[in-house]
């Protein structure tokens, strides 16, 4: 799991944000909890601005993920099939 995170891949974790296959839309929404877990796997500092969104791209599937603290946006985001 750590090696995949170091390569910039967003694999499924306990929080919304990762995927195990490409998404049709090429983008999705993830939680800041996912981002913090992913940064921890990479050995990075957990310096996350909880008032801002962070946009990163998964190197494995080229999926653009917008990490947010907005629970409603996460709940309303569609679950996408690959």
PDB file of N, CA and C in Angstrom:
ATOM      1  N   UNK A   1       0.821  -1.185   0.000  1.00  0.00           N
ATOM      2  CA  UNK A   1       0.000   0.000   0.000  1.00  0.00           C
ATOM      3  C   UNK A   1       0.874   1.262   0.000  1.00  0.00           C
ATOM      4  N   UNK A   2       1.941   1.249   0.792  1.00  0.00           N
ATOM      5  CA  UNK A   2       2.834   2.408   0.863  1.00  0.00           C
ATOM      6  C   UNK A   2       3.492   2.674  -0.488  1.00  0.00           C
ATOM      7  N   UNK A   3       3.943   1.629  -1.153  1.00  0.00           N
ATOM      8  CA  UNK A   3       4.611   1.789  -2.439  1.00  0.00           C
ATOM      9  C   UNK A   3       3.682   2.414  -3.478  1.00  0.00           C
ATOM     10  N   UNK A   4       2.430   1.992  -3.458  1.00  0.00           N
ATOM     11  CA  UNK A   4       1.451   2.559  -4.392  1.00  0.00           C
ATOM     12  C   UNK A   4       1.218   4.042  -4.096  1.00  0.00           C
ATOM     13  N   UNK A   5       1.119   4.387  -2.816  1.00  0.00           N
ATOM     14  CA  UNK A   5       0.937   5.790  -2.440  1.00  0.00           C
ATOM     15  C   UNK A   5       2.155   6.620  -2.855  1.00  0.00           C
ATOM     16  N   UNK A   6       3.335   6.068  -2.699  1.00  0.00           N
ATOM     17  CA  UNK A   6       4.551   6.785  -3.103  1.00  0.00           C
ATOM     18  C   UNK A   6       4.595   7.021  -4.612  1.00  0.00           C
ATOM     19  N   UNK A   7       3.961   6.140  -5.378  1.00  0.00           N
ATOM     20  CA  UNK A   7       3.883   6.314  -6.835  1.00  0.00           C
ATOM     21  C   UNK A   7       2.775   7.295  -7.242  1.00  0.00           C
ATOM     22  N   UNK A   8       2.005   7.770  -6.270  1.00  0.00           N
ATOM     23  CA  UNK A   8       0.936   8.718  -6.567  1.00  0.00           C
ATOM     24  C   UNK A   8      -0.395   8.079  -6.902  1.00  0.00           C
ATOM     25  N   UNK A   9      -0.544   6.809  -6.561  1.00  0.00           N
ATOM     26  CA  UNK A   9      -1.786   6.098  -6.834  1.00  0.00           C
ATOM     27  C   UNK A   9      -2.751   6.283  -5.672  1.00  0.00           C
ATOM     28  N   UNK A  10      -4.045   6.389  -5.989  1.00  0.00           N
ATOM     29  CA  UNK A  10      -5.093   6.496  -4.987  1.00  0.00           C
ATOM     30  C   UNK A  10      -5.852   5.182  -4.918  1.00  0.00           C
ATOM     31  N   UNK A  11      -5.323   4.258  -4.147  1.00  0.00           N
ATOM     32  CA  UNK A  11      -5.944   2.948  -3.972  1.00  0.00           C
ATOM     33  C   UNK A  11      -7.064   3.046  -2.949  1.00  0.00           C
ATOM     34  N   UNK A  12      -8.037   2.125  -2.971  1.00  0.00           N
ATOM     35  CA  UNK A  12      -9.112   2.157  -1.973  1.00  0.00           C
ATOM     36  C   UNK A  12      -8.545   2.056  -0.553  1.00  0.00           C
ATOM     37  N   UNK A  13      -9.029   2.932   0.300  1.00  0.00           N
ATOM     38  CA  UNK A  13      -8.680   2.929   1.721  1.00  0.00           C
ATOM     39  C   UNK A  13      -9.994   2.975   2.503  1.00  0.00           C
ATOM     40  N   UNK A  14      -9.928   3.241   3.785  1.00  0.00           N
ATOM     41  CA  UNK A  14     -11.132   3.269   4.619  1.00  0.00           C
ATOM     42  C   UNK A  14     -12.031   4.466   4.332  1.00  0.00           C
ATOM     43  N   UNK A  15     -11.521   5.466   3.629  1.00  0.00           N
ATOM     44  CA  UNK A  15     -12.275   6.692   3.358  1.00  0.00           C
ATOM     45  C   UNK A  15     -12.517   6.850   1.861  1.00  0.00           C
ATOM     46  N   UNK A  16     -13.501   7.645   1.490  1.00  0.00           N
ATOM     47  CA  UNK A  16     -13.818   7.898   0.085  1.00  0.00           C
ATOM     48  C   UNK A  16     -12.695   8.706  -0.570  1.00  0.00           C
ATOM     49  N   UNK A  17     -12.240   8.242  -1.745  1.00  0.00           N
ATOM     50  CA  UNK A  17     -11.194   8.963  -2.456  1.00  0.00           C
ATOM     51  C   UNK A  17     -10.365   8.105  -3.390  1.00  0.00           C
ATOM     52  N   UNK A  18     -10.302   6.820  -3.154  1.00  0.00           N
ATOM     53  CA  UNK A  18      -9.498   5.937  -3.993  1.00  0.00           C
ATOM     54  C   UNK A  18     -10.361   5.076  -4.891  1.00  0.00           C
ATOM     55  N   UNK A  19      -9.719   4.411  -5.842  1.00  0.00           N
ATOM     56  CA  UNK A  19     -10.437   3.532  -6.760  1.00  0.00           C
ATOM     57  C   UNK A  19      -9.531   2.390  -7.189  1.00  0.00           C
ATOM     58  N   UNK A  20     -10.158   1.268  -7.545  1.00  0.00           N
ATOM     59  CA  UNK A  20      -9.384   0.129  -8.023  1.00  0.00           C
ATOM     60  C   UNK A  20      -9.563  -0.104  -9.515  1.00  0.00           C
ATOM     61  N   UNK A  21     -10.234   0.866 -10.189  1.00  0.00           N
ATOM     62  CA  UNK A  21     -10.373   0.807 -11.650  1.00  0.00           C
ATOM     63  C   UNK A  21     -10.606   2.229 -12.166  1.00  0.00           C
ATOM     64  N   UNK A  22     -10.379   2.449 -13.451  1.00  0.00           N
ATOM     65  CA  UNK A  22     -10.592   3.803 -14.004  1.00  0.00           C
ATOM     66  C   UNK A  22     -12.067   4.195 -13.928  1.00  0.00           C
ATOM     67  N   UNK A  23     -12.317   5.481 -13.745  1.00  0.00           N
ATOM     68  CA  UNK A  23     -13.686   5.992 -13.707  1.00  0.00           C
ATOM     69  C   UNK A  23     -14.033   6.636 -15.036  1.00  0.00           C
ATOM     70  N   UNK A  24     -15.262   6.424 -15.484  1.00  0.00           N
ATOM     71  CA  UNK A  24     -15.695   6.968 -16.775  1.00  0.00           C
ATOM     72  C   UNK A  24     -15.565   8.481 -16.843  1.00  0.00           C
ATOM     73  N   UNK A  25     -15.947   9.167 -15.786  1.00  0.00           N
ATOM     74  CA  UNK A  25     -15.916  10.637 -15.784  1.00  0.00           C
ATOM     75  C   UNK A  25     -14.492  11.177 -15.673  1.00  0.00           C
ATOM     76  N   UNK A  26     -13.575  10.361 -15.183  1.00  0.00           N
ATOM     77  CA  UNK A  26     -12.193  10.815 -15.041  1.00  0.00           C
ATOM     78  C   UNK A  26     -11.958  11.725 -13.854  1.00  0.00           C
ATOM     79  N   UNK A  27     -12.996  11.909 -13.024  1.00  0.00           N
ATOM     80  CA  UNK A  27     -12.835  12.706 -11.816  1.00  0.00           C
ATOM     81  C   UNK A  27     -13.823  12.251 -10.766  1.00  0.00           C
ATOM     82  N   UNK A  28     -13.486  12.539  -9.505  1.00  0.00           N
ATOM     83  CA  UNK A  28     -14.357  12.183  -8.400  1.00  0.00           C
ATOM     84  C   UNK A  28     -14.038  13.070  -7.208  1.00  0.00           C
ATOM     85  N   UNK A  29     -14.813  12.883  -6.146  1.00  0.00           N
ATOM     86  CA  UNK A  29     -14.634  13.637  -4.915  1.00  0.00           C
ATOM     87  C   UNK A  29     -14.140  12.681  -3.846  1.00  0.00           C
ATOM     88  N   UNK A  30     -13.205  13.140  -3.028  1.00  0.00           N
ATOM     89  CA  UNK A  30     -12.682  12.340  -1.933  1.00  0.00           C
ATOM     90  C   UNK A  30     -12.679  13.142  -0.644  1.00  0.00           C
ATOM     91  N   UNK A  31     -12.535  12.449   0.465  1.00  0.00           N
ATOM     92  CA  UNK A  31     -12.557  13.119   1.764  1.00  0.00           C
ATOM     93  C   UNK A  31     -11.146  13.537   2.188  1.00  0.00           C
ATOM     94  N   UNK A  32     -11.090  14.543   3.042  1.00  0.00           N
ATOM     95  CA  UNK A  32      -9.795  14.952   3.591  1.00  0.00           C
ATOM     96  C   UNK A  32      -9.229  13.860   4.495  1.00  0.00           C
ATOM     97  N   UNK A  33     -10.094  13.001   5.036  1.00  0.00           N
ATOM     98  CA  UNK A  33      -9.606  11.860   5.821  1.00  0.00           C
ATOM     99  C   UNK A  33      -8.779  10.936   4.919  1.00  0.00           C
ATOM    100  N   UNK A  34      -9.266  10.705   3.701  1.00  0.00           N
ATOM    101  CA  UNK A  34      -8.506   9.893   2.741  1.00  0.00           C
ATOM    102  C   UNK A  34      -7.168  10.549   2.464  1.00  0.00           C
ATOM    103  N   UNK A  35      -7.197  11.851   2.181  1.00  0.00           N
ATOM    104  CA  UNK A  35      -5.970  12.585   1.864  1.00  0.00           C
ATOM    105  C   UNK A  35      -4.964  12.481   3.005  1.00  0.00           C
ATOM    106  N   UNK A  36      -5.422  12.618   4.248  1.00  0.00           N
ATOM    107  CA  UNK A  36      -4.526  12.522   5.402  1.00  0.00           C
ATOM    108  C   UNK A  36      -3.926  11.122   5.521  1.00  0.00           C
ATOM    109  N   UNK A  37      -4.750  10.102   5.313  1.00  0.00           N
ATOM    110  CA  UNK A  37      -4.256   8.721   5.364  1.00  0.00           C
ATOM    111  C   UNK A  37      -3.222   8.485   4.271  1.00  0.00           C
ATOM    112  N   UNK A  38      -3.515   8.964   3.076  1.00  0.00           N
ATOM    113  CA  UNK A  38      -2.612   8.811   1.922  1.00  0.00           C
ATOM    114  C   UNK A  38      -1.285   9.528   2.177  1.00  0.00           C
ATOM    115  N   UNK A  39      -1.360  10.743   2.706  1.00  0.00           N
ATOM    116  CA  UNK A  39      -0.133  11.489   3.021  1.00  0.00           C
ATOM    117  C   UNK A  39       0.676  10.757   4.088  1.00  0.00           C
ATOM    118  N   UNK A  40      -0.009  10.164   5.069  1.00  0.00           N
ATOM    119  CA  UNK A  40       0.685   9.396   6.103  1.00  0.00           C
ATOM    120  C   UNK A  40       1.402   8.190   5.517  1.00  0.00           C
ATOM    121  N   UNK A  41       0.761   7.491   4.593  1.00  0.00           N
ATOM    122  CA  UNK A  41       1.411   6.360   3.926  1.00  0.00           C
ATOM    123  C   UNK A  41       2.662   6.798   3.181  1.00  0.00           C
ATOM    124  N   UNK A  42       2.632   8.011   2.645  1.00  0.00           N
ATOM    125  CA  UNK A  42       3.766   8.549   1.896  1.00  0.00           C
ATOM    126  C   UNK A  42       4.848   9.136   2.811  1.00  0.00           C
ATOM    127  N   UNK A  43       4.550   9.247   4.110  1.00  0.00           N
ATOM    128  CA  UNK A  43       5.514   9.813   5.052  1.00  0.00           C
ATOM    129  C   UNK A  43       5.554  11.340   5.000  1.00  0.00           C
ATOM    130  N   UNK A  44       4.485  11.954   4.481  1.00  0.00           N
ATOM    131  CA  UNK A  44       4.427  13.411   4.371  1.00  0.00           C
ATOM    132  C   UNK A  44       3.848  14.029   5.638  1.00  0.00           C
ATOM    133  N   UNK A  45       4.122  15.309   5.842  1.00  0.00           N
ATOM    134  CA  UNK A  45       3.498  16.048   6.932  1.00  0.00           C
ATOM    135  C   UNK A  45       2.004  16.146   6.681  1.00  0.00           C
ATOM    136  N   UNK A  46       1.238  16.074   7.747  1.00  0.00           N
ATOM    137  CA  UNK A  46      -0.210  16.152   7.625  1.00  0.00           C
ATOM    138  C   UNK A  46      -0.667  17.593   7.811  1.00  0.00           C
ATOM    139  N   UNK A  47      -0.233  18.447   6.920  1.00  0.00           N
ATOM    140  CA  UNK A  47      -0.564  19.863   6.957  1.00  0.00           C
ATOM    141  C   UNK A  47      -1.663  20.115   5.935  1.00  0.00           C
ATOM    142  N   UNK A  48      -2.926  19.961   6.371  1.00  0.00           N
ATOM    143  CA  UNK A  48      -4.071  20.070   5.470  1.00  0.00           C
ATOM    144  C   UNK A  48      -4.935  21.238   5.911  1.00  0.00           C
ATOM    145  N   UNK A  49      -5.228  22.137   4.987  1.00  0.00           N
ATOM    146  CA  UNK A  49      -6.137  23.245   5.238  1.00  0.00           C
ATOM    147  C   UNK A  49      -7.555  22.713   5.117  1.00  0.00           C
ATOM    148  N   UNK A  50      -8.264  22.601   6.227  1.00  0.00           N
ATOM    149  CA  UNK A  50      -9.601  22.009   6.214  1.00  0.00           C
ATOM    150  C   UNK A  50     -10.652  22.923   5.588  1.00  0.00           C
ATOM    151  N   UNK A  51     -10.297  24.161   5.312  1.00  0.00           N
ATOM    152  CA  UNK A  51     -11.233  25.088   4.669  1.00  0.00           C
ATOM    153  C   UNK A  51     -11.073  25.128   3.156  1.00  0.00           C
ATOM    154  N   UNK A  52     -10.098  24.417   2.632  1.00  0.00           N
ATOM    155  CA  UNK A  52      -9.826  24.453   1.191  1.00  0.00           C
ATOM    156  C   UNK A  52      -9.948  23.054   0.594  1.00  0.00           C
ATOM    157  N   UNK A  53     -10.249  23.015  -0.686  1.00  0.00           N
ATOM    158  CA  UNK A  53     -10.246  21.749  -1.425  1.00  0.00           C
ATOM    159  C   UNK A  53      -8.850  21.534  -1.997  1.00  0.00           C
ATOM    160  N   UNK A  54      -8.465  20.282  -2.119  1.00  0.00           N
ATOM    161  CA  UNK A  54      -7.181  19.914  -2.710  1.00  0.00           C
ATOM    162  C   UNK A  54      -7.475  19.051  -3.928  1.00  0.00           C
ATOM    163  N   UNK A  55      -6.907  19.401  -5.074  1.00  0.00           N
ATOM    164  CA  UNK A  55      -7.129  18.636  -6.300  1.00  0.00           C
ATOM    165  C   UNK A  55      -5.820  17.958  -6.691  1.00  0.00           C
ATOM    166  N   UNK A  56      -5.855  16.630  -6.782  1.00  0.00           N
ATOM    167  CA  UNK A  56      -4.692  15.830  -7.172  1.00  0.00           C
ATOM    168  C   UNK A  56      -5.130  14.818  -8.226  1.00  0.00           C
ATOM    169  N   UNK A  57      -4.172  14.306  -8.978  1.00  0.00           N
ATOM    170  CA  UNK A  57      -4.467  13.320 -10.014  1.00  0.00           C
ATOM    171  C   UNK A  57      -3.788  11.997  -9.690  1.00  0.00           C
ATOM    172  N   UNK A  58      -4.557  10.932  -9.736  1.00  0.00           N
ATOM    173  CA  UNK A  58      -4.042   9.578  -9.520  1.00  0.00           C
ATOM    174  C   UNK A  58      -3.145   9.204 -10.702  1.00  0.00           C
ATOM    175  N   UNK A  59      -1.932   8.788 -10.402  1.00  0.00           N
ATOM    176  CA  UNK A  59      -0.999   8.446 -11.470  1.00  0.00           C
ATOM    177  C   UNK A  59      -1.347   7.121 -12.151  1.00  0.00           C
ATOM    178  N   UNK A  60      -2.106   6.267 -11.486  1.00  0.00           N
ATOM    179  CA  UNK A  60      -2.443   4.966 -12.074  1.00  0.00           C
ATOM    180  C   UNK A  60      -3.543   5.086 -13.118  1.00  0.00           C
ATOM    181  N   UNK A  61      -4.638   5.817 -12.789  1.00  0.00           N
ATOM    182  CA  UNK A  61      -5.788   5.893 -13.682  1.00  0.00           C
ATOM    183  C   UNK A  61      -6.004   7.288 -14.259  1.00  0.00           C
ATOM    184  N   UNK A  62      -5.143   8.228 -13.922  1.00  0.00           N
ATOM    185  CA  UNK A  62      -5.277   9.621 -14.374  1.00  0.00           C
ATOM    186  C   UNK A  62      -6.620  10.228 -13.964  1.00  0.00           C
ATOM    187  N   UNK A  63      -7.137   9.798 -12.824  1.00  0.00           N
ATOM    188  CA  UNK A  63      -8.389  10.322 -12.295  1.00  0.00           C
ATOM    189  C   UNK A  63      -8.090  11.549 -11.445  1.00  0.00           C
ATOM    190  N   UNK A  64      -8.806  12.629 -11.700  1.00  0.00           N
ATOM    191  CA  UNK A  64      -8.649  13.853 -10.920  1.00  0.00           C
ATOM    192  C   UNK A  64      -9.570  13.744  -9.704  1.00  0.00           C
ATOM    193  N   UNK A  65      -8.977  13.850  -8.516  1.00  0.00           N
ATOM    194  CA  UNK A  65      -9.741  13.734  -7.280  1.00  0.00           C
ATOM    195  C   UNK A  65      -9.709  15.074  -6.552  1.00  0.00           C
ATOM    196  N   UNK A  66     -10.899  15.569  -6.209  1.00  0.00           N
ATOM    197  CA  UNK A  66     -11.019  16.785  -5.424  1.00  0.00           C
ATOM    198  C   UNK A  66     -11.321  16.370  -3.994  1.00  0.00           C
ATOM    199  N   UNK A  67     -10.366  16.596  -3.107  1.00  0.00           N
ATOM    200  CA  UNK A  67     -10.524  16.236  -1.706  1.00  0.00           C
ATOM    201  C   UNK A  67     -11.161  17.406  -0.976  1.00  0.00           C
ATOM    202  N   UNK A  68     -12.276  17.124  -0.262  1.00  0.00           N
ATOM    203  CA  UNK A  68     -13.050  18.163   0.414  1.00  0.00           C
ATOM    204  C   UNK A  68     -13.383  17.743   1.837  1.00  0.00           C
ATOM    205  N   UNK A  69     -13.656  18.745   2.668  1.00  0.00           N
ATOM    206  CA  UNK A  69     -14.148  18.458   4.017  1.00  0.00           C
ATOM    207  C   UNK A  69     -15.668  18.504   4.062  1.00  0.00           C
ATOM    208  N   UNK A  70     -16.301  18.952   3.000  1.00  0.00           N
ATOM    209  CA  UNK A  70     -17.752  19.115   2.930  1.00  0.00           C
ATOM    210  C   UNK A  70     -18.434  17.743   2.891  1.00  0.00           C
ATOM    211  N   UNK A  71     -19.000  17.345   4.018  1.00  0.00           N
ATOM    212  CA  UNK A  71     -19.616  16.022   4.133  1.00  0.00           C
ATOM    213  C   UNK A  71     -20.807  15.885   3.192  1.00  0.00           C
ATOM    214  N   UNK A  72     -21.574  16.951   2.995  1.00  0.00           N
ATOM    215  CA  UNK A  72     -22.720  16.876   2.090  1.00  0.00           C
ATOM    216  C   UNK A  72     -22.268  16.613   0.657  1.00  0.00           C
ATOM    217  N   UNK A  73     -21.202  17.281   0.215  1.00  0.00           N
ATOM    218  CA  UNK A  73     -20.691  17.058  -1.145  1.00  0.00           C
ATOM    219  C   UNK A  73     -20.230  15.615  -1.308  1.00  0.00           C
ATOM    220  N   UNK A  74     -19.615  15.060  -0.278  1.00  0.00           N
ATOM    221  CA  UNK A  74     -19.162  13.671  -0.330  1.00  0.00           C
ATOM    222  C   UNK A  74     -20.350  12.714  -0.379  1.00  0.00           C
ATOM    223  N   UNK A  75     -21.382  13.005   0.393  1.00  0.00           N
ATOM    224  CA  UNK A  75     -22.549  12.136   0.438  1.00  0.00           C
ATOM    225  C   UNK A  75     -23.333  12.177  -0.872  1.00  0.00           C
ATOM    226  N   UNK A  76     -23.355  13.335  -1.513  1.00  0.00           N
ATOM    227  CA  UNK A  76     -24.123  13.495  -2.738  1.00  0.00           C
ATOM    228  C   UNK A  76     -23.353  13.121  -4.001  1.00  0.00           C
ATOM    229  N   UNK A  77     -22.031  12.960  -3.878  1.00  0.00           N
ATOM    230  CA  UNK A  77     -21.217  12.604  -5.034  1.00  0.00           C
ATOM    231  C   UNK A  77     -21.619  11.217  -5.523  1.00  0.00           C
ATOM    232  N   UNK A  78     -21.837  11.077  -6.827  1.00  0.00           N
ATOM    233  CA  UNK A  78     -22.247   9.771  -7.352  1.00  0.00           C
ATOM    234  C   UNK A  78     -21.155   8.727  -7.193  1.00  0.00           C
ATOM    235  N   UNK A  79     -21.586   7.520  -6.944  1.00  0.00           N
ATOM    236  CA  UNK A  79     -20.653   6.393  -6.926  1.00  0.00           C
ATOM    237  C   UNK A  79     -20.585   5.904  -8.348  1.00  0.00           C
ATOM    238  N   UNK A  80     -19.413   5.932  -8.910  1.00  0.00           N
ATOM    239  CA  UNK A  80     -19.263   5.680 -10.342  1.00  0.00           C
ATOM    240  C   UNK A  80     -18.752   4.280 -10.619  1.00  0.00           C
ATOM    241  N   UNK A  81     -19.295   3.701 -11.609  1.00  0.00           N
ATOM    242  CA  UNK A  81     -18.832   2.391 -12.088  1.00  0.00           C
ATOM    243  C   UNK A  81     -17.760   2.611 -13.145  1.00  0.00           C
ATOM    244  N   UNK A  82     -16.773   1.726 -13.195  1.00  0.00           N
ATOM    245  CA  UNK A  82     -15.669   1.857 -14.141  1.00  0.00           C
ATOM    246  C   UNK A  82     -15.987   1.587 -15.514  1.00  0.00           C
TER     247      UNK A  82
END
